[in-house]
PDB file of all heavy atoms in Angstrom:
ATOM      1  N   TYR A   1     -17.858  -1.751   6.697  1.00  0.00           N
ATOM      2  CA  TYR A   1     -16.884  -2.638   6.765  1.00  0.00           C
ATOM      3  C   TYR A   1     -16.885  -3.691   8.009  1.00  0.00           C
ATOM      4  O   TYR A   1     -17.705  -3.256   8.915  1.00  0.00           O
ATOM      5  CB  TYR A   1     -15.483  -1.995   6.940  1.00  0.00           C
ATOM      6  CG  TYR A   1     -15.271  -0.917   5.841  1.00  0.00           C
ATOM      7  CD1 TYR A   1     -15.637   0.372   5.800  1.00  0.00           C
ATOM      8  CD2 TYR A   1     -14.516  -1.475   4.567  1.00  0.00           C
ATOM      9  CE1 TYR A   1     -15.394   1.271   4.769  1.00  0.00           C
ATOM     10  CE2 TYR A   1     -14.405  -0.503   3.554  1.00  0.00           C
ATOM     11  CZ  TYR A   1     -14.892   0.758   3.717  1.00  0.00           C
ATOM     12  OH  TYR A   1     -14.700   1.653   2.612  1.00  0.00           O
ATOM     13  N   PRO A   2     -16.339  -4.827   7.827  1.00  0.00           N
ATOM     14  CA  PRO A   2     -16.399  -5.820   8.863  1.00  0.00           C
ATOM     15  C   PRO A   2     -15.824  -5.277  10.241  1.00  0.00           C
ATOM     16  O   PRO A   2     -14.982  -4.413  10.292  1.00  0.00           O
ATOM     17  CB  PRO A   2     -15.546  -6.944   8.423  1.00  0.00           C
ATOM     18  CG  PRO A   2     -15.489  -6.792   6.916  1.00  0.00           C
ATOM     19  CD  PRO A   2     -15.522  -5.280   6.693  1.00  0.00           C
ATOM     20  N   PRO A   3     -16.428  -5.761  11.347  1.00  0.00           N
ATOM     21  CA  PRO A   3     -15.954  -5.307  12.654  1.00  0.00           C
ATOM     22  C   PRO A   3     -14.395  -5.384  12.927  1.00  0.00           C
ATOM     23  O   PRO A   3     -13.775  -4.416  13.531  1.00  0.00           O
ATOM     24  CB  PRO A   3     -16.728  -6.184  13.669  1.00  0.00           C
ATOM     25  CG  PRO A   3     -17.901  -6.604  12.923  1.00  0.00           C
ATOM     26  CD  PRO A   3     -17.478  -6.573  11.450  1.00  0.00           C
ATOM     27  N   GLU A   4     -13.764  -6.465  12.311  1.00  0.00           N
ATOM     28  CA  GLU A   4     -12.255  -6.595  12.666  1.00  0.00           C
ATOM     29  C   GLU A   4     -11.468  -5.479  12.007  1.00  0.00           C
ATOM     30  O   GLU A   4     -10.378  -5.373  12.341  1.00  0.00           O
ATOM     31  CB  GLU A   4     -11.855  -7.927  12.239  1.00  0.00           C
ATOM     32  CG  GLU A   4     -11.922  -8.153  10.673  1.00  0.00           C
ATOM     33  CD  GLU A   4     -13.213  -8.914  10.282  1.00  0.00           C
ATOM     34  OE1 GLU A   4     -14.206  -8.819  11.131  1.00  0.00           O
ATOM     35  OE2 GLU A   4     -13.216  -9.468   9.254  1.00  0.00           O
ATOM     36  N   ILE A   5     -11.954  -4.817  11.057  1.00  0.00           N
ATOM     37  CA  ILE A   5     -11.172  -3.645  10.458  1.00  0.00           C
ATOM     38  C   ILE A   5     -11.688  -2.342  10.653  1.00  0.00           C
ATOM     39  O   ILE A   5     -11.134  -1.309  10.203  1.00  0.00           O
ATOM     40  CB  ILE A   5     -10.862  -3.959   8.965  1.00  0.00           C
ATOM     41  CG1 ILE A   5     -12.209  -3.784   8.104  1.00  0.00           C
ATOM     42  CG2 ILE A   5     -10.295  -5.207   8.754  1.00  0.00           C
ATOM     43  CD1 ILE A   5     -11.973  -3.768   6.614  1.00  0.00           C
ATOM     44  N   ARG A   6     -12.666  -2.159  11.294  1.00  0.00           N
ATOM     45  CA  ARG A   6     -13.356  -0.869  11.585  1.00  0.00           C
ATOM     46  C   ARG A   6     -12.510   0.097  12.330  1.00  0.00           C
ATOM     47  O   ARG A   6     -12.384   1.290  11.981  1.00  0.00           O
ATOM     48  CB  ARG A   6     -14.657  -0.962  12.422  1.00  0.00           C
ATOM     49  CG  ARG A   6     -15.729  -1.580  11.492  1.00  0.00           C
ATOM     50  CD  ARG A   6     -17.076  -1.611  12.244  1.00  0.00           C
ATOM     51  NE  ARG A   6     -18.097  -2.314  11.399  1.00  0.00           N
ATOM     52  CZ  ARG A   6     -19.427  -2.566  11.860  1.00  0.00           C
ATOM     53  NH1 ARG A   6     -19.653  -2.316  13.108  1.00  0.00           N
ATOM     54  NH2 ARG A   6     -20.156  -3.111  11.040  1.00  0.00           N
ATOM     55  N   LYS A   7     -11.731  -0.356  13.401  1.00  0.00           N
ATOM     56  CA  LYS A   7     -10.859   0.491  14.082  1.00  0.00           C
ATOM     57  C   LYS A   7      -9.731   0.983  13.212  1.00  0.00           C
ATOM     58  O   LYS A   7      -9.217   2.240  13.597  1.00  0.00           O
ATOM     59  CB  LYS A   7     -10.151  -0.334  15.203  1.00  0.00           C
ATOM     60  CG  LYS A   7      -9.884   0.530  16.401  1.00  0.00           C
ATOM     61  CD  LYS A   7      -9.656  -0.252  17.689  1.00  0.00           C
ATOM     62  CE  LYS A   7      -9.338   0.708  18.885  1.00  0.00           C
ATOM     63  NZ  LYS A   7      -9.078  -0.105  20.084  1.00  0.00           N
ATOM     64  N   VAL A   8      -9.389   0.412  12.319  1.00  0.00           N
ATOM     65  CA  VAL A   8      -8.247   0.898  11.319  1.00  0.00           C
ATOM     66  C   VAL A   8      -8.748   2.130  10.679  1.00  0.00           C
ATOM     67  O   VAL A   8      -8.047   3.058  10.368  1.00  0.00           O
ATOM     68  CB  VAL A   8      -7.873  -0.164  10.240  1.00  0.00           C
ATOM     69  CG1 VAL A   8      -6.960   0.346   9.154  1.00  0.00           C
ATOM     70  CG2 VAL A   8      -7.205  -1.364  10.931  1.00  0.00           C
ATOM     71  N   ILE A   9     -10.109   2.163  10.405  1.00  0.00           N
ATOM     72  CA  ILE A   9     -10.668   3.247   9.616  1.00  0.00           C
ATOM     73  C   ILE A   9     -11.302   4.418  10.416  1.00  0.00           C
ATOM     74  O   ILE A   9     -10.992   5.533  10.026  1.00  0.00           O
ATOM     75  CB  ILE A   9     -11.870   2.598   8.871  1.00  0.00           C
ATOM     76  CG1 ILE A   9     -11.439   1.550   7.802  1.00  0.00           C
ATOM     77  CG2 ILE A   9     -12.649   3.772   8.177  1.00  0.00           C
ATOM     78  CD1 ILE A   9     -12.457   0.725   7.273  1.00  0.00           C
ATOM     79  N   TYR A  10     -11.668   4.099  11.672  1.00  0.00           N
ATOM     80  CA  TYR A  10     -12.262   5.160  12.431  1.00  0.00           C
ATOM     81  C   TYR A  10     -11.520   5.940  13.417  1.00  0.00           C
ATOM     82  O   TYR A  10     -12.042   6.754  14.137  1.00  0.00           O
ATOM     83  CB  TYR A  10     -13.722   4.748  12.988  1.00  0.00           C
ATOM     84  CG  TYR A  10     -13.692   3.838  14.212  1.00  0.00           C
ATOM     85  CD1 TYR A  10     -13.094   4.230  15.401  1.00  0.00           C
ATOM     86  CD2 TYR A  10     -14.319   2.547  14.149  1.00  0.00           C
ATOM     87  CE1 TYR A  10     -13.073   3.447  16.514  1.00  0.00           C
ATOM     88  CE2 TYR A  10     -14.352   1.828  15.295  1.00  0.00           C
ATOM     89  CZ  TYR A  10     -13.713   2.176  16.512  1.00  0.00           C
ATOM     90  OH  TYR A  10     -13.683   1.426  17.645  1.00  0.00           O
ATOM     91  N   THR A  11     -10.256   5.686  13.549  1.00  0.00           N
ATOM     92  CA  THR A  11      -9.441   6.310  14.442  1.00  0.00           C
ATOM     93  C   THR A  11      -8.160   6.859  13.812  1.00  0.00           C
ATOM     94  O   THR A  11      -7.595   6.321  12.890  1.00  0.00           O
ATOM     95  CB  THR A  11      -9.008   5.515  15.736  1.00  0.00           C
ATOM     96  OG1 THR A  11      -7.902   4.580  15.317  1.00  0.00           O
ATOM     97  CG2 THR A  11     -10.092   4.667  16.257  1.00  0.00           C
ATOM     98  N   THR A  12      -7.706   7.999  14.311  1.00  0.00           N
ATOM     99  CA  THR A  12      -6.421   8.543  13.732  1.00  0.00           C
ATOM    100  C   THR A  12      -5.217   8.160  14.730  1.00  0.00           C
ATOM    101  O   THR A  12      -4.381   8.895  14.769  1.00  0.00           O
ATOM    102  CB  THR A  12      -6.513  10.152  13.592  1.00  0.00           C
ATOM    103  OG1 THR A  12      -6.971  10.696  14.909  1.00  0.00           O
ATOM    104  CG2 THR A  12      -7.550  10.504  12.584  1.00  0.00           C
ATOM    105  N   ASN A  13      -5.422   7.116  15.363  1.00  0.00           N
ATOM    106  CA  ASN A  13      -4.438   6.634  16.299  1.00  0.00           C
ATOM    107  C   ASN A  13      -2.997   6.585  15.702  1.00  0.00           C
ATOM    108  O   ASN A  13      -1.927   6.858  16.217  1.00  0.00           O
ATOM    109  CB  ASN A  13      -4.650   5.159  16.910  1.00  0.00           C
ATOM    110  CG  ASN A  13      -5.693   5.294  17.924  1.00  0.00           C
ATOM    111  OD1 ASN A  13      -6.236   6.445  18.331  1.00  0.00           O
ATOM    112  ND2 ASN A  13      -6.205   4.228  18.374  1.00  0.00           N
ATOM    113  N   ALA A  14      -2.992   6.044  14.344  1.00  0.00           N
ATOM    114  CA  ALA A  14      -1.689   5.993  13.634  1.00  0.00           C
ATOM    115  C   ALA A  14      -0.944   7.374  13.534  1.00  0.00           C
ATOM    116  O   ALA A  14       0.295   7.427  13.774  1.00  0.00           O
ATOM    117  CB  ALA A  14      -1.848   5.545  12.171  1.00  0.00           C
ATOM    118  N   ILE A  15      -1.680   8.369  13.331  1.00  0.00           N
ATOM    119  CA  ILE A  15      -1.112   9.722  13.274  1.00  0.00           C
ATOM    120  C   ILE A  15      -0.919  10.273  14.803  1.00  0.00           C
ATOM    121  O   ILE A  15      -0.129  11.318  14.871  1.00  0.00           O
ATOM    122  CB  ILE A  15      -1.738  10.628  12.281  1.00  0.00           C
ATOM    123  CG1 ILE A  15      -0.859  11.789  11.980  1.00  0.00           C
ATOM    124  CG2 ILE A  15      -3.062  11.229  12.873  1.00  0.00           C
ATOM    125  CD1 ILE A  15      -1.485  12.463  10.591  1.00  0.00           C
ATOM    126  N   GLU A  16      -1.868  10.017  15.614  1.00  0.00           N
ATOM    127  CA  GLU A  16      -1.744  10.501  16.927  1.00  0.00           C
ATOM    128  C   GLU A  16      -0.336  10.157  17.658  1.00  0.00           C
ATOM    129  O   GLU A  16       0.099  11.016  18.379  1.00  0.00           O
ATOM    130  CB  GLU A  16      -2.868   9.989  17.839  1.00  0.00           C
ATOM    131  CG  GLU A  16      -4.175  10.526  17.642  1.00  0.00           C
ATOM    132  CD  GLU A  16      -4.294  11.893  18.514  1.00  0.00           C
ATOM    133  OE1 GLU A  16      -4.093  11.805  19.769  1.00  0.00           O
ATOM    134  OE2 GLU A  16      -4.602  12.894  17.930  1.00  0.00           O
ATOM    135  N   SER A  17       0.186   8.883  17.335  1.00  0.00           N
ATOM    136  CA  SER A  17       1.491   8.573  17.971  1.00  0.00           C
ATOM    137  C   SER A  17       2.433   9.416  17.297  1.00  0.00           C
ATOM    138  O   SER A  17       3.613   9.776  17.919  1.00  0.00           O
ATOM    139  CB  SER A  17       1.652   7.099  17.565  1.00  0.00           C
ATOM    140  OG  SER A  17       1.764   6.777  16.209  1.00  0.00           O
ATOM    141  N   VAL A  18       2.403   9.737  16.023  1.00  0.00           N
ATOM    142  CA  VAL A  18       3.300  10.713  15.451  1.00  0.00           C
ATOM    143  C   VAL A  18       3.324  12.052  16.213  1.00  0.00           C
ATOM    144  O   VAL A  18       4.435  12.690  16.460  1.00  0.00           O
ATOM    145  CB  VAL A  18       3.019  10.903  13.903  1.00  0.00           C
ATOM    146  CG1 VAL A  18       3.975  12.037  13.341  1.00  0.00           C
ATOM    147  CG2 VAL A  18       3.100   9.735  13.109  1.00  0.00           C
ATOM    148  N   ASN A  19       2.091  12.503  16.447  1.00  0.00           N
ATOM    149  CA  ASN A  19       2.037  13.842  17.102  1.00  0.00           C
ATOM    150  C   ASN A  19       2.629  13.819  18.397  1.00  0.00           C
ATOM    151  O   ASN A  19       3.204  14.806  19.013  1.00  0.00           O
ATOM    152  CB  ASN A  19       0.511  14.239  17.195  1.00  0.00           C
ATOM    153  CG  ASN A  19      -0.041  14.644  15.934  1.00  0.00           C
ATOM    154  OD1 ASN A  19       0.763  14.951  14.967  1.00  0.00           O
ATOM    155  ND2 ASN A  19      -1.374  14.803  15.836  1.00  0.00           N
ATOM    156  N   MET A  20       2.475  12.641  19.130  1.00  0.00           N
ATOM    157  CA  MET A  20       3.111  12.505  20.558  1.00  0.00           C
ATOM    158  C   MET A  20       4.560  12.684  20.378  1.00  0.00           C
ATOM    159  O   MET A  20       5.263  13.195  21.339  1.00  0.00           O
ATOM    160  CB  MET A  20       2.659  11.149  21.032  1.00  0.00           C
ATOM    161  CG  MET A  20       2.965  10.950  22.559  1.00  0.00           C
ATOM    162  SD  MET A  20       2.422   9.261  23.067  1.00  0.00           S
ATOM    163  CE  MET A  20       0.724   9.325  22.655  1.00  0.00           C
ATOM    164  N   GLY A  21       5.175  12.064  19.377  1.00  0.00           N
ATOM    165  CA  GLY A  21       6.637  12.131  19.210  1.00  0.00           C
ATOM    166  C   GLY A  21       7.094  13.487  18.897  1.00  0.00           C
ATOM    167  O   GLY A  21       8.082  13.965  19.510  1.00  0.00           O
ATOM    168  N   LEU A  22       6.337  14.296  18.160  1.00  0.00           N
ATOM    169  CA  LEU A  22       6.599  15.721  17.934  1.00  0.00           C
ATOM    170  C   LEU A  22       6.519  16.539  19.111  1.00  0.00           C
ATOM    171  O   LEU A  22       7.248  17.461  19.403  1.00  0.00           O
ATOM    172  CB  LEU A  22       5.743  16.281  16.813  1.00  0.00           C
ATOM    173  CG  LEU A  22       5.893  15.583  15.340  1.00  0.00           C
ATOM    174  CD1 LEU A  22       4.895  16.275  14.382  1.00  0.00           C
ATOM    175  CD2 LEU A  22       7.307  15.741  14.946  1.00  0.00           C
ATOM    176  N   ARG A  23       5.545  16.279  19.888  1.00  0.00           N
ATOM    177  CA  ARG A  23       5.288  17.057  21.282  1.00  0.00           C
ATOM    178  C   ARG A  23       6.484  16.734  22.154  1.00  0.00           C
ATOM    179  O   ARG A  23       7.040  17.674  22.870  1.00  0.00           O
ATOM    180  CB  ARG A  23       3.936  16.644  21.974  1.00  0.00           C
ATOM    181  CG  ARG A  23       2.801  17.109  21.276  1.00  0.00           C
ATOM    182  CD  ARG A  23       1.548  16.940  22.061  1.00  0.00           C
ATOM    183  NE  ARG A  23       0.370  17.319  21.330  1.00  0.00           N
ATOM    184  CZ  ARG A  23      -0.511  16.491  20.728  1.00  0.00           C
ATOM    185  NH1 ARG A  23      -0.138  15.108  20.597  1.00  0.00           N
ATOM    186  NH2 ARG A  23      -1.503  16.828  19.978  1.00  0.00           N
ATOM    187  N   LYS A  24       6.991  15.478  22.142  1.00  0.00           N
ATOM    188  CA  LYS A  24       8.135  15.098  22.983  1.00  0.00           C
ATOM    189  C   LYS A  24       9.404  15.892  22.635  1.00  0.00           C
ATOM    190  O   LYS A  24      10.082  16.353  23.608  1.00  0.00           O
ATOM    191  CB  LYS A  24       8.400  13.671  22.881  1.00  0.00           C
ATOM    192  CG  LYS A  24       9.464  13.210  23.801  1.00  0.00           C
ATOM    193  CD  LYS A  24       9.521  11.574  23.632  1.00  0.00           C
ATOM    194  CE  LYS A  24      10.569  11.006  24.713  1.00  0.00           C
ATOM    195  NZ  LYS A  24      10.745   9.594  24.474  1.00  0.00           N
ATOM    196  N   VAL A  25       9.686  16.091  21.394  1.00  0.00           N
ATOM    197  CA  VAL A  25      10.979  16.775  20.948  1.00  0.00           C
ATOM    198  C   VAL A  25      10.780  18.302  21.058  1.00  0.00           C
ATOM    199  O   VAL A  25      11.762  18.975  21.118  1.00  0.00           O
ATOM    200  CB  VAL A  25      11.399  16.343  19.529  1.00  0.00           C
ATOM    201  CG1 VAL A  25      11.532  14.889  19.451  1.00  0.00           C
ATOM    202  CG2 VAL A  25      10.381  16.821  18.471  1.00  0.00           C
ATOM    203  N   SER A  26       9.435  18.810  21.186  1.00  0.00           N
ATOM    204  CA  SER A  26       9.440  20.255  21.170  1.00  0.00           C
ATOM    205  C   SER A  26       8.978  20.826  22.464  1.00  0.00           C
ATOM    206  O   SER A  26       8.777  21.979  22.715  1.00  0.00           O
ATOM    207  CB  SER A  26       8.396  20.692  20.135  1.00  0.00           C
ATOM    208  OG  SER A  26       7.088  20.175  20.296  1.00  0.00           O
ATOM    209  N   LYS A  27       8.802  19.830  23.547  1.00  0.00           N
ATOM    210  CA  LYS A  27       8.290  20.292  24.795  1.00  0.00           C
ATOM    211  C   LYS A  27       9.212  21.353  25.557  1.00  0.00           C
ATOM    212  O   LYS A  27       8.586  22.080  26.386  1.00  0.00           O
ATOM    213  CB  LYS A  27       8.002  19.064  25.611  1.00  0.00           C
ATOM    214  CG  LYS A  27       9.216  18.301  26.146  1.00  0.00           C
ATOM    215  CD  LYS A  27       8.908  17.017  26.888  1.00  0.00           C
ATOM    216  CE  LYS A  27      10.112  16.388  27.405  1.00  0.00           C
ATOM    217  NZ  LYS A  27       9.855  15.191  28.195  1.00  0.00           N
ATOM    218  N   ASN A  28      10.513  21.268  25.246  1.00  0.00           N
ATOM    219  CA  ASN A  28      11.413  22.207  26.043  1.00  0.00           C
ATOM    220  C   ASN A  28      11.462  23.500  25.412  1.00  0.00           C
ATOM    221  O   ASN A  28      12.234  24.516  25.873  1.00  0.00           O
ATOM    222  CB  ASN A  28      12.686  21.591  26.153  1.00  0.00           C
ATOM    223  CG  ASN A  28      12.748  20.324  27.110  1.00  0.00           C
ATOM    224  OD1 ASN A  28      11.947  20.211  27.984  1.00  0.00           O
ATOM    225  ND2 ASN A  28      13.591  19.344  26.836  1.00  0.00           N
ATOM    226  N   ARG A  29      10.796  23.789  24.376  1.00  0.00           N
ATOM    227  CA  ARG A  29      10.925  25.015  23.565  1.00  0.00           C
ATOM    228  C   ARG A  29       9.599  25.956  23.894  1.00  0.00           C
ATOM    229  O   ARG A  29       8.494  25.535  23.692  1.00  0.00           O
ATOM    230  CB  ARG A  29      10.931  24.789  22.034  1.00  0.00           C
ATOM    231  CG  ARG A  29      12.264  24.045  21.623  1.00  0.00           C
ATOM    232  CD  ARG A  29      12.195  23.772  20.126  1.00  0.00           C
ATOM    233  NE  ARG A  29      13.389  22.998  19.698  1.00  0.00           N
ATOM    234  CZ  ARG A  29      14.365  23.546  19.028  1.00  0.00           C
ATOM    235  NH1 ARG A  29      14.234  24.869  18.757  1.00  0.00           N
ATOM    236  NH2 ARG A  29      15.293  22.931  18.717  1.00  0.00           N
ATOM    237  N   GLY A  30       9.905  27.187  24.279  1.00  0.00           N
ATOM    238  CA  GLY A  30       8.810  28.086  24.493  1.00  0.00           C
ATOM    239  C   GLY A  30       8.207  28.337  23.164  1.00  0.00           C
ATOM    240  O   GLY A  30       6.901  28.393  23.056  1.00  0.00           O
ATOM    241  N   SER A  31       8.973  28.637  22.205  1.00  0.00           N
ATOM    242  CA  SER A  31       8.484  29.072  20.827  1.00  0.00           C
ATOM    243  C   SER A  31       9.612  28.892  19.914  1.00  0.00           C
ATOM    244  O   SER A  31      10.824  28.675  20.254  1.00  0.00           O
ATOM    245  CB  SER A  31       7.924  30.480  20.844  1.00  0.00           C
ATOM    246  OG  SER A  31       9.051  31.411  21.125  1.00  0.00           O
ATOM    247  N   PHE A  32       9.213  28.773  18.643  1.00  0.00           N
ATOM    248  CA  PHE A  32      10.120  28.634  17.458  1.00  0.00           C
ATOM    249  C   PHE A  32      10.479  30.030  16.914  1.00  0.00           C
ATOM    250  O   PHE A  32       9.581  30.928  16.857  1.00  0.00           O
ATOM    251  CB  PHE A  32       9.655  27.706  16.455  1.00  0.00           C
ATOM    252  CG  PHE A  32       9.587  26.192  16.910  1.00  0.00           C
ATOM    253  CD1 PHE A  32       8.500  25.707  17.493  1.00  0.00           C
ATOM    254  CD2 PHE A  32      10.624  25.437  16.698  1.00  0.00           C
ATOM    255  CE1 PHE A  32       8.379  24.462  17.839  1.00  0.00           C
ATOM    256  CE2 PHE A  32      10.688  24.119  17.036  1.00  0.00           C
ATOM    257  CZ  PHE A  32       9.463  23.560  17.562  1.00  0.00           C
ATOM    258  N   PRO A  33      11.728  30.326  16.605  1.00  0.00           N
ATOM    259  CA  PRO A  33      11.975  31.662  16.045  1.00  0.00           C
ATOM    260  C   PRO A  33      11.342  32.008  14.633  1.00  0.00           C
ATOM    261  O   PRO A  33      11.213  33.104  14.161  1.00  0.00           O
ATOM    262  CB  PRO A  33      13.590  31.681  15.980  1.00  0.00           C
ATOM    263  CG  PRO A  33      13.960  30.235  15.914  1.00  0.00           C
ATOM    264  CD  PRO A  33      12.907  29.486  16.688  1.00  0.00           C
ATOM    265  N   SER A  34      11.070  30.795  13.834  1.00  0.00           N
ATOM    266  CA  SER A  34      10.455  31.053  12.449  1.00  0.00           C
ATOM    267  C   SER A  34       9.684  29.774  12.070  1.00  0.00           C
ATOM    268  O   SER A  34       9.794  28.687  12.844  1.00  0.00           O
ATOM    269  CB  SER A  34      11.706  31.313  11.611  1.00  0.00           C
ATOM    270  OG  SER A  34      12.554  30.333  11.374  1.00  0.00           O
ATOM    271  N   ASP A  35       9.023  29.910  11.049  1.00  0.00           N
ATOM    272  CA  ASP A  35       8.424  28.676  10.433  1.00  0.00           C
ATOM    273  C   ASP A  35       9.407  27.660  10.056  1.00  0.00           C
ATOM    274  O   ASP A  35       9.193  26.444  10.190  1.00  0.00           O
ATOM    275  CB  ASP A  35       7.517  29.109   9.140  1.00  0.00           C
ATOM    276  CG  ASP A  35       6.238  29.721   9.667  1.00  0.00           C
ATOM    277  OD1 ASP A  35       5.920  29.901  10.889  1.00  0.00           O
ATOM    278  OD2 ASP A  35       5.484  30.167   8.846  1.00  0.00           O
TER     279      ASP A  35
END
């Protein structure tokens, strides 16, 4: 693919930001009682 769109393809940054949000809301929990 052309250089200008390669970054869209080769990084999971889009989902990494989602993971960051999930870590933020769960950081105060030692563990969850169930799935």
